[in-house]
PDB file of N, CA and C in Angstrom:
ATOM      1  N   UNK A   1     -88.777  57.801  99.475  1.00  0.00           N
ATOM      2  CA  UNK A   1     -89.549  57.710  98.222  1.00  0.00           C
ATOM      3  C   UNK A   1     -88.599  57.566  96.995  1.00  0.00           C
ATOM      4  N   UNK A   2     -87.314  58.016  97.142  1.00  0.00           N
ATOM      5  CA  UNK A   2     -86.328  57.670  95.958  1.00  0.00           C
ATOM      6  C   UNK A   2     -86.257  56.197  95.848  1.00  0.00           C
ATOM      7  N   UNK A   3     -86.055  55.477  96.979  1.00  0.00           N
ATOM      8  CA  UNK A   3     -85.888  53.913  96.888  1.00  0.00           C
ATOM      9  C   UNK A   3     -87.238  53.225  96.354  1.00  0.00           C
ATOM     10  N   UNK A   4     -88.324  53.750  96.655  1.00  0.00           N
ATOM     11  CA  UNK A   4     -89.555  53.201  96.067  1.00  0.00           C
ATOM     12  C   UNK A   4     -89.600  53.495  94.539  1.00  0.00           C
ATOM     13  N   UNK A   5     -89.284  54.678  94.315  1.00  0.00           N
ATOM     14  CA  UNK A   5     -89.398  55.086  92.865  1.00  0.00           C
ATOM     15  C   UNK A   5     -88.333  54.239  91.975  1.00  0.00           C
ATOM     16  N   UNK A   6     -87.200  54.023  92.578  1.00  0.00           N
ATOM     17  CA  UNK A   6     -86.171  53.155  92.003  1.00  0.00           C
ATOM     18  C   UNK A   6     -86.715  51.723  91.758  1.00  0.00           C
ATOM     19  N   UNK A   7     -87.348  51.081  92.692  1.00  0.00           N
ATOM     20  CA  UNK A   7     -87.928  49.782  92.504  1.00  0.00           C
ATOM     21  C   UNK A   7     -89.013  49.823  91.538  1.00  0.00           C
ATOM     22  N   UNK A   8     -89.755  50.803  91.525  1.00  0.00           N
ATOM     23  CA  UNK A   8     -90.857  50.880  90.478  1.00  0.00           C
ATOM     24  C   UNK A   8     -90.388  51.077  89.161  1.00  0.00           C
ATOM     25  N   UNK A   9     -89.300  51.694  88.897  1.00  0.00           N
ATOM     26  CA  UNK A   9     -88.716  51.878  87.594  1.00  0.00           C
ATOM     27  C   UNK A   9     -87.828  50.733  87.150  1.00  0.00           C
ATOM     28  N   UNK A  10     -87.488  49.914  88.070  1.00  0.00           N
ATOM     29  CA  UNK A  10     -86.566  48.663  87.730  1.00  0.00           C
ATOM     30  C   UNK A  10     -87.477  47.457  87.384  1.00  0.00           C
ATOM     31  N   UNK A  11     -87.304  46.950  86.191  1.00  0.00           N
ATOM     32  CA  UNK A  11     -88.080  45.744  85.815  1.00  0.00           C
ATOM     33  C   UNK A  11     -87.498  44.528  86.418  1.00  0.00           C
ATOM     34  N   UNK A  12     -88.348  43.606  86.602  1.00  0.00           N
ATOM     35  CA  UNK A  12     -87.934  42.382  87.042  1.00  0.00           C
ATOM     36  C   UNK A  12     -86.964  41.619  85.873  1.00  0.00           C
ATOM     37  N   UNK A  13     -86.064  40.862  86.270  1.00  0.00           N
ATOM     38  CA  UNK A  13     -85.210  40.325  85.279  1.00  0.00           C
ATOM     39  C   UNK A  13     -86.108  39.348  84.387  1.00  0.00           C
ATOM     40  N   UNK A  14     -85.779  39.515  83.102  1.00  0.00           N
ATOM     41  CA  UNK A  14     -86.556  38.591  82.117  1.00  0.00           C
ATOM     42  C   UNK A  14     -86.384  37.078  82.444  1.00  0.00           C
ATOM     43  N   UNK A  15     -85.313  36.729  82.894  1.00  0.00           N
ATOM     44  CA  UNK A  15     -85.156  35.261  83.176  1.00  0.00           C
ATOM     45  C   UNK A  15     -86.133  34.841  84.271  1.00  0.00           C
ATOM     46  N   UNK A  16     -86.363  35.645  85.384  1.00  0.00           N
ATOM     47  CA  UNK A  16     -87.306  35.318  86.355  1.00  0.00           C
ATOM     48  C   UNK A  16     -88.790  35.232  85.970  1.00  0.00           C
ATOM     49  N   UNK A  17     -89.036  36.244  85.139  1.00  0.00           N
ATOM     50  CA  UNK A  17     -90.545  36.464  84.749  1.00  0.00           C
ATOM     51  C   UNK A  17     -90.711  35.188  83.688  1.00  0.00           C
ATOM     52  N   UNK A  18     -89.906  34.957  82.772  1.00  0.00           N
ATOM     53  CA  UNK A  18     -90.140  33.900  81.912  1.00  0.00           C
ATOM     54  C   UNK A  18     -90.043  32.526  82.546  1.00  0.00           C
ATOM     55  N   UNK A  19     -89.241  32.452  83.559  1.00  0.00           N
ATOM     56  CA  UNK A  19     -89.165  31.097  84.310  1.00  0.00           C
ATOM     57  C   UNK A  19     -90.509  30.831  85.034  1.00  0.00           C
ATOM     58  N   UNK A  20     -91.033  31.794  85.654  1.00  0.00           N
ATOM     59  CA  UNK A  20     -92.387  31.555  86.277  1.00  0.00           C
ATOM     60  C   UNK A  20     -93.357  31.326  85.236  1.00  0.00           C
ATOM     61  N   UNK A  21     -93.364  31.992  84.244  1.00  0.00           N
ATOM     62  CA  UNK A  21     -94.415  31.759  83.136  1.00  0.00           C
ATOM     63  C   UNK A  21     -94.327  30.417  82.446  1.00  0.00           C
ATOM     64  N   UNK A  22     -92.937  30.075  82.328  1.00  0.00           N
ATOM     65  CA  UNK A  22     -92.757  28.674  81.813  1.00  0.00           C
ATOM     66  C   UNK A  22     -93.157  27.569  82.736  1.00  0.00           C
ATOM     67  N   UNK A  23     -92.830  27.802  83.951  1.00  0.00           N
ATOM     68  CA  UNK A  23     -93.210  26.721  85.013  1.00  0.00           C
ATOM     69  C   UNK A  23     -94.734  26.527  85.029  1.00  0.00           C
ATOM     70  N   UNK A  24     -95.465  27.697  84.986  1.00  0.00           N
ATOM     71  CA  UNK A  24     -96.889  27.544  85.117  1.00  0.00           C
ATOM     72  C   UNK A  24     -97.531  26.959  83.755  1.00  0.00           C
ATOM     73  N   UNK A  25     -96.985  27.324  82.695  1.00  0.00           N
ATOM     74  CA  UNK A  25     -97.434  26.616  81.422  1.00  0.00           C
ATOM     75  C   UNK A  25     -97.016  25.141  81.229  1.00  0.00           C
ATOM     76  N   UNK A  26     -95.894  24.827  81.671  1.00  0.00           N
ATOM     77  CA  UNK A  26     -95.488  23.363  81.667  1.00  0.00           C
ATOM     78  C   UNK A  26     -96.315  22.555  82.686  1.00  0.00           C
ATOM     79  N   UNK A  27     -96.556  23.129  83.781  1.00  0.00           N
ATOM     80  CA  UNK A  27     -97.487  22.414  84.745  1.00  0.00           C
ATOM     81  C   UNK A  27     -98.898  22.335  84.217  1.00  0.00           C
ATOM     82  N   UNK A  28     -99.417  23.146  83.466  1.00  0.00           N
ATOM     83  CA  UNK A  28    -100.812  23.065  83.002  1.00  0.00           C
ATOM     84  C   UNK A  28    -100.824  22.137  81.832  1.00  0.00           C
ATOM     85  N   UNK A  29     -99.657  21.998  80.996  1.00  0.00           N
ATOM     86  CA  UNK A  29     -99.614  20.995  79.979  1.00  0.00           C
ATOM     87  C   UNK A  29     -99.547  19.533  80.518  1.00  0.00           C
ATOM     88  N   UNK A  30     -98.729  19.505  81.512  1.00  0.00           N
ATOM     89  CA  UNK A  30     -98.542  18.199  82.118  1.00  0.00           C
ATOM     90  C   UNK A  30     -99.763  17.728  82.791  1.00  0.00           C
ATOM     91  N   UNK A  31    -100.511  18.656  83.429  1.00  0.00           N
ATOM     92  CA  UNK A  31    -101.768  18.270  84.198  1.00  0.00           C
ATOM     93  C   UNK A  31    -102.761  17.927  83.200  1.00  0.00           C
ATOM     94  N   UNK A  32    -102.794  18.612  81.918  1.00  0.00           N
ATOM     95  CA  UNK A  32    -103.837  18.221  80.823  1.00  0.00           C
ATOM     96  C   UNK A  32    -103.448  16.926  80.383  1.00  0.00           C
ATOM     97  N   UNK A  33    -102.199  16.456  80.169  1.00  0.00           N
ATOM     98  CA  UNK A  33    -101.836  15.138  79.570  1.00  0.00           C
ATOM     99  C   UNK A  33    -102.123  14.149  80.578  1.00  0.00           C
ATOM    100  N   UNK A  34    -101.759  14.323  81.675  1.00  0.00           N
ATOM    101  CA  UNK A  34    -102.147  13.311  82.842  1.00  0.00           C
ATOM    102  C   UNK A  34    -103.749  13.129  82.979  1.00  0.00           C
ATOM    103  N   UNK A  35    -104.377  14.092  82.902  1.00  0.00           N
ATOM    104  CA  UNK A  35    -105.850  13.860  83.057  1.00  0.00           C
ATOM    105  C   UNK A  35    -106.467  13.386  81.753  1.00  0.00           C
ATOM    106  N   UNK A  36    -105.839  13.701  80.665  1.00  0.00           N
ATOM    107  CA  UNK A  36    -106.292  13.197  79.399  1.00  0.00           C
ATOM    108  C   UNK A  36    -106.118  11.462  79.425  1.00  0.00           C
ATOM    109  N   UNK A  37    -104.942  11.111  79.948  1.00  0.00           N
ATOM    110  CA  UNK A  37    -104.570   9.727  79.974  1.00  0.00           C
ATOM    111  C   UNK A  37    -105.644   8.918  80.917  1.00  0.00           C
ATOM    112  N   UNK A  38    -105.809   9.573  81.978  1.00  0.00           N
ATOM    113  CA  UNK A  38    -106.684   9.026  82.945  1.00  0.00           C
ATOM    114  C   UNK A  38    -108.161   8.955  82.493  1.00  0.00           C
ATOM    115  N   UNK A  39    -108.453  10.041  81.678  1.00  0.00           N
ATOM    116  CA  UNK A  39    -109.836  10.114  81.127  1.00  0.00           C
ATOM    117  C   UNK A  39    -109.946   9.009  80.113  1.00  0.00           C
ATOM    118  N   UNK A  40    -109.021   8.765  79.307  1.00  0.00           N
ATOM    119  CA  UNK A  40    -109.056   7.689  78.187  1.00  0.00           C
ATOM    120  C   UNK A  40    -109.312   6.444  78.914  1.00  0.00           C
ATOM    121  N   UNK A  41    -108.477   6.083  79.952  1.00  0.00           N
ATOM    122  CA  UNK A  41    -108.572   4.902  80.622  1.00  0.00           C
ATOM    123  C   UNK A  41    -110.059   4.678  81.279  1.00  0.00           C
ATOM    124  N   UNK A  42    -110.571   5.678  81.738  1.00  0.00           N
ATOM    125  CA  UNK A  42    -111.990   5.745  82.373  1.00  0.00           C
ATOM    126  C   UNK A  42    -113.029   5.457  81.294  1.00  0.00           C
ATOM    127  N   UNK A  43    -112.798   6.081  80.189  1.00  0.00           N
ATOM    128  CA  UNK A  43    -113.694   5.902  78.915  1.00  0.00           C
ATOM    129  C   UNK A  43    -113.745   4.427  78.567  1.00  0.00           C
ATOM    130  N   UNK A  44    -112.450   3.838  78.548  1.00  0.00           N
ATOM    131  CA  UNK A  44    -112.366   2.373  78.201  1.00  0.00           C
ATOM    132  C   UNK A  44    -113.186   1.426  79.272  1.00  0.00           C
ATOM    133  N   UNK A  45    -113.084   1.893  80.521  1.00  0.00           N
ATOM    134  CA  UNK A  45    -113.724   1.103  81.631  1.00  0.00           C
ATOM    135  C   UNK A  45    -115.069   1.499  81.747  1.00  0.00           C
ATOM    136  N   UNK A  46    -115.534   2.572  81.119  1.00  0.00           N
ATOM    137  CA  UNK A  46    -116.780   3.088  81.373  1.00  0.00           C
ATOM    138  C   UNK A  46    -117.157   3.593  82.720  1.00  0.00           C
ATOM    139  N   UNK A  47    -116.237   4.353  83.308  1.00  0.00           N
ATOM    140  CA  UNK A  47    -116.458   5.071  84.672  1.00  0.00           C
ATOM    141  C   UNK A  47    -116.740   6.453  84.562  1.00  0.00           C
ATOM    142  N   UNK A  48    -117.988   6.978  84.586  1.00  0.00           N
ATOM    143  CA  UNK A  48    -118.243   8.294  84.373  1.00  0.00           C
ATOM    144  C   UNK A  48    -117.829   9.140  85.487  1.00  0.00           C
ATOM    145  N   UNK A  49    -117.697   8.654  86.723  1.00  0.00           N
ATOM    146  CA  UNK A  49    -117.125   9.338  87.952  1.00  0.00           C
ATOM    147  C   UNK A  49    -115.825  10.005  87.718  1.00  0.00           C
ATOM    148  N   UNK A  50    -114.838   9.033  87.159  1.00  0.00           N
ATOM    149  CA  UNK A  50    -113.357   9.408  86.916  1.00  0.00           C
ATOM    150  C   UNK A  50    -113.285  10.461  85.817  1.00  0.00           C
ATOM    151  N   UNK A  51    -114.113  10.273  84.821  1.00  0.00           N
ATOM    152  CA  UNK A  51    -114.274  11.129  83.698  1.00  0.00           C
ATOM    153  C   UNK A  51    -114.463  12.535  84.186  1.00  0.00           C
ATOM    154  N   UNK A  52    -115.615  12.734  84.970  1.00  0.00           N
ATOM    155  CA  UNK A  52    -116.113  14.010  85.400  1.00  0.00           C
ATOM    156  C   UNK A  52    -115.070  14.612  86.378  1.00  0.00           C
ATOM    157  N   UNK A  53    -114.394  13.672  87.277  1.00  0.00           N
ATOM    158  CA  UNK A  53    -113.318  14.216  88.092  1.00  0.00           C
ATOM    159  C   UNK A  53    -112.122  14.791  87.472  1.00  0.00           C
ATOM    160  N   UNK A  54    -111.774  14.179  86.371  1.00  0.00           N
ATOM    161  CA  UNK A  54    -110.567  14.485  85.599  1.00  0.00           C
ATOM    162  C   UNK A  54    -110.829  15.781  84.920  1.00  0.00           C
ATOM    163  N   UNK A  55    -112.061  16.034  84.379  1.00  0.00           N
ATOM    164  CA  UNK A  55    -112.376  17.314  83.631  1.00  0.00           C
ATOM    165  C   UNK A  55    -112.400  18.369  84.688  1.00  0.00           C
ATOM    166  N   UNK A  56    -113.118  18.250  85.834  1.00  0.00           N
ATOM    167  CA  UNK A  56    -113.178  19.249  86.816  1.00  0.00           C
ATOM    168  C   UNK A  56    -111.908  19.568  87.504  1.00  0.00           C
ATOM    169  N   UNK A  57    -111.059  18.586  87.858  1.00  0.00           N
ATOM    170  CA  UNK A  57    -109.791  18.811  88.431  1.00  0.00           C
ATOM    171  C   UNK A  57    -108.794  19.729  87.557  1.00  0.00           C
ATOM    172  N   UNK A  58    -108.873  19.222  86.295  1.00  0.00           N
ATOM    173  CA  UNK A  58    -107.873  19.952  85.248  1.00  0.00           C
ATOM    174  C   UNK A  58    -108.425  21.340  85.088  1.00  0.00           C
ATOM    175  N   UNK A  59    -109.734  21.691  85.028  1.00  0.00           N
ATOM    176  CA  UNK A  59    -110.163  22.925  84.758  1.00  0.00           C
ATOM    177  C   UNK A  59    -109.997  23.830  85.916  1.00  0.00           C
ATOM    178  N   UNK A  60    -110.068  23.377  87.095  1.00  0.00           N
ATOM    179  CA  UNK A  60    -109.910  24.102  88.352  1.00  0.00           C
ATOM    180  C   UNK A  60    -108.438  24.437  88.641  1.00  0.00           C
ATOM    181  N   UNK A  61    -107.545  23.434  88.486  1.00  0.00           N
ATOM    182  CA  UNK A  61    -106.160  23.742  88.716  1.00  0.00           C
ATOM    183  C   UNK A  61    -105.661  24.573  87.682  1.00  0.00           C
ATOM    184  N   UNK A  62    -105.823  24.316  86.293  1.00  0.00           N
ATOM    185  CA  UNK A  62    -105.364  25.137  85.379  1.00  0.00           C
ATOM    186  C   UNK A  62    -105.760  26.721  85.599  1.00  0.00           C
ATOM    187  N   UNK A  63    -107.203  26.819  85.985  1.00  0.00           N
ATOM    188  CA  UNK A  63    -107.572  28.183  86.145  1.00  0.00           C
ATOM    189  C   UNK A  63    -106.875  28.914  87.341  1.00  0.00           C
ATOM    190  N   UNK A  64    -106.595  28.047  88.444  1.00  0.00           N
ATOM    191  CA  UNK A  64    -106.014  28.634  89.571  1.00  0.00           C
ATOM    192  C   UNK A  64    -104.559  29.248  89.136  1.00  0.00           C
ATOM    193  N   UNK A  65    -103.746  28.375  88.497  1.00  0.00           N
ATOM    194  CA  UNK A  65    -102.508  28.750  88.131  1.00  0.00           C
ATOM    195  C   UNK A  65    -102.589  29.950  87.222  1.00  0.00           C
ATOM    196  N   UNK A  66    -103.335  30.024  86.224  1.00  0.00           N
ATOM    197  CA  UNK A  66    -103.435  31.208  85.405  1.00  0.00           C
ATOM    198  C   UNK A  66    -103.981  32.407  86.199  1.00  0.00           C
ATOM    199  N   UNK A  67    -104.825  32.200  87.183  1.00  0.00           N
ATOM    200  CA  UNK A  67    -105.218  33.228  88.015  1.00  0.00           C
ATOM    201  C   UNK A  67    -104.182  33.815  88.804  1.00  0.00           C
ATOM    202  N   UNK A  68    -103.152  32.936  89.311  1.00  0.00           N
ATOM    203  CA  UNK A  68    -102.166  33.395  90.043  1.00  0.00           C
ATOM    204  C   UNK A  68    -101.253  34.323  89.225  1.00  0.00           C
ATOM    205  N   UNK A  69    -101.014  34.051  87.913  1.00  0.00           N
ATOM    206  CA  UNK A  69    -100.171  34.832  86.996  1.00  0.00           C
ATOM    207  C   UNK A  69    -100.889  36.163  86.814  1.00  0.00           C
ATOM    208  N   UNK A  70    -102.170  36.161  86.643  1.00  0.00           N
ATOM    209  CA  UNK A  70    -102.898  37.298  86.529  1.00  0.00           C
ATOM    210  C   UNK A  70    -102.869  38.390  87.719  1.00  0.00           C
ATOM    211  N   UNK A  71    -103.057  37.727  88.772  1.00  0.00           N
ATOM    212  CA  UNK A  71    -102.959  38.557  90.123  1.00  0.00           C
ATOM    213  C   UNK A  71    -101.614  39.021  90.310  1.00  0.00           C
ATOM    214  N   UNK A  72    -100.584  38.278  89.998  1.00  0.00           N
ATOM    215  CA  UNK A  72     -99.191  38.791  90.188  1.00  0.00           C
ATOM    216  C   UNK A  72     -98.852  39.933  89.342  1.00  0.00           C
ATOM    217  N   UNK A  73     -99.629  39.885  88.032  1.00  0.00           N
ATOM    218  CA  UNK A  73     -99.448  41.112  87.128  1.00  0.00           C
ATOM    219  C   UNK A  73    -100.188  42.217  87.564  1.00  0.00           C
ATOM    220  N   UNK A  74    -101.356  42.025  88.205  1.00  0.00           N
ATOM    221  CA  UNK A  74    -102.186  43.144  88.772  1.00  0.00           C
ATOM    222  C   UNK A  74    -101.594  43.907  89.969  1.00  0.00           C
ATOM    223  N   UNK A  75    -101.039  43.077  90.806  1.00  0.00           N
ATOM    224  CA  UNK A  75    -100.404  43.746  92.112  1.00  0.00           C
ATOM    225  C   UNK A  75     -98.866  44.099  91.887  1.00  0.00           C
ATOM    226  N   UNK A  76     -98.415  44.038  90.726  1.00  0.00           N
ATOM    227  CA  UNK A  76     -96.994  44.331  90.524  1.00  0.00           C
ATOM    228  C   UNK A  76     -96.690  45.760  90.823  1.00  0.00           C
ATOM    229  N   UNK A  77     -97.508  46.709  90.635  1.00  0.00           N
ATOM    230  CA  UNK A  77     -97.368  48.066  90.715  1.00  0.00           C
ATOM    231  C   UNK A  77     -98.239  48.560  91.740  1.00  0.00           C
ATOM    232  N   UNK A  78     -98.010  48.533  93.200  1.00  0.00           N
ATOM    233  CA  UNK A  78     -99.020  49.062  94.136  1.00  0.00           C
ATOM    234  C   UNK A  78     -99.221  50.569  94.137  1.00  0.00           C
ATOM    235  N   UNK A  79     -98.451  51.364  93.388  1.00  0.00           N
ATOM    236  CA  UNK A  79     -98.625  52.710  93.296  1.00  0.00           C
ATOM    237  C   UNK A  79     -99.249  53.284  92.109  1.00  0.00           C
ATOM    238  N   UNK A  80     -99.999  52.406  91.403  1.00  0.00           N
ATOM    239  CA  UNK A  80    -100.562  52.927  90.141  1.00  0.00           C
ATOM    240  C   UNK A  80    -101.973  53.241  90.516  1.00  0.00           C
ATOM    241  N   UNK A  81    -102.848  53.246  89.476  1.00  0.00           N
ATOM    242  CA  UNK A  81    -104.246  53.669  89.522  1.00  0.00           C
ATOM    243  C   UNK A  81    -105.279  52.544  89.584  1.00  0.00           C
ATOM    244  N   UNK A  82    -104.815  51.381  89.700  1.00  0.00           N
ATOM    245  CA  UNK A  82    -105.788  50.128  89.740  1.00  0.00           C
ATOM    246  C   UNK A  82    -106.614  50.284  91.160  1.00  0.00           C
ATOM    247  N   UNK A  83    -107.606  49.313  91.132  1.00  0.00           N
ATOM    248  CA  UNK A  83    -108.463  49.432  92.315  1.00  0.00           C
ATOM    249  C   UNK A  83    -107.615  48.864  93.495  1.00  0.00           C
ATOM    250  N   UNK A  84    -106.623  47.964  93.274  1.00  0.00           N
ATOM    251  CA  UNK A  84    -106.006  47.268  94.410  1.00  0.00           C
ATOM    252  C   UNK A  84    -104.827  48.040  94.833  1.00  0.00           C
ATOM    253  N   UNK A  85    -104.524  49.111  94.215  1.00  0.00           N
ATOM    254  CA  UNK A  85    -103.376  49.986  94.560  1.00  0.00           C
ATOM    255  C   UNK A  85    -103.571  50.759  95.843  1.00  0.00           C
ATOM    256  N   UNK A  86    -102.453  51.193  96.439  1.00  0.00           N
ATOM    257  CA  UNK A  86    -102.503  52.185  97.513  1.00  0.00           C
ATOM    258  C   UNK A  86    -103.174  53.319  97.138  1.00  0.00           C
ATOM    259  N   UNK A  87    -103.952  54.065  98.063  1.00  0.00           N
ATOM    260  CA  UNK A  87    -104.632  55.377  97.637  1.00  0.00           C
ATOM    261  C   UNK A  87    -103.569  56.604  97.750  1.00  0.00           C
ATOM    262  N   UNK A  88    -102.878  56.674  96.722  1.00  0.00           N
ATOM    263  CA  UNK A  88    -101.911  57.747  96.768  1.00  0.00           C
ATOM    264  C   UNK A  88    -102.384  59.030  96.944  1.00  0.00           C
ATOM    265  N   UNK A  89    -103.454  59.418  96.192  1.00  0.00           N
ATOM    266  CA  UNK A  89    -104.096  60.805  96.207  1.00  0.00           C
ATOM    267  C   UNK A  89    -104.451  60.999  97.658  1.00  0.00           C
ATOM    268  N   UNK A  90    -105.076  60.045  98.362  1.00  0.00           N
ATOM    269  CA  UNK A  90    -105.596  60.325  99.696  1.00  0.00           C
ATOM    270  C   UNK A  90    -104.313  60.506 100.675  1.00  0.00           C
ATOM    271  N   UNK A  91    -103.231  59.836 100.426  1.00  0.00           N
ATOM    272  CA  UNK A  91    -101.970  59.968 101.232  1.00  0.00           C
ATOM    273  C   UNK A  91    -101.495  61.496 100.931  1.00  0.00           C
ATOM    274  N   UNK A  92    -101.525  61.861  99.706  1.00  0.00           N
ATOM    275  CA  UNK A  92    -101.076  63.213  99.431  1.00  0.00           C
ATOM    276  C   UNK A  92    -101.958  64.164 100.100  1.00  0.00           C
ATOM    277  N   UNK A  93    -103.265  64.125 100.084  1.00  0.00           N
ATOM    278  CA  UNK A  93    -104.120  64.998 100.606  1.00  0.00           C
ATOM    279  C   UNK A  93    -103.913  65.109 102.122  1.00  0.00           C
ATOM    280  N   UNK A  94    -103.616  63.916 102.796  1.00  0.00           N
ATOM    281  CA  UNK A  94    -103.439  63.795 104.180  1.00  0.00           C
ATOM    282  C   UNK A  94    -102.174  64.613 104.629  1.00  0.00           C
ATOM    283  N   UNK A  95    -101.081  64.386 103.836  1.00  0.00           N
ATOM    284  CA  UNK A  95     -99.853  64.918 104.207  1.00  0.00           C
ATOM    285  C   UNK A  95     -99.983  66.409 103.817  1.00  0.00           C
TER     286      UNK A  95
END
C-alpha cells in the first residue's frame, strides 16, 4: 500500500507530459495542413469525393488523438472516485 501511495503522490515528469501533448498537437496540425492542401487541389479539380474524404479523415483522426489524451487523463489515478476507478470502498468492506 505504501508503494501504491508513493506512485499516486508522485507526479509524472513535466517533460514527459509536455512531450506527449506536444506530439499530439503537432500531429493534429500537420494532419490539418496536409488535408487542407489535398482539399485545395480537389477543389481546383472539382472532385467532391476527395473533399469529403479529407474532411472526414481529418475530423476522425484529430478526434481520436484528442480522445486518447482525455482517456489517459481519466485513467491516470485508478484509486480515485471516478466511474472507471477501482471500487476501493467495496475492497475495504470485503477486507
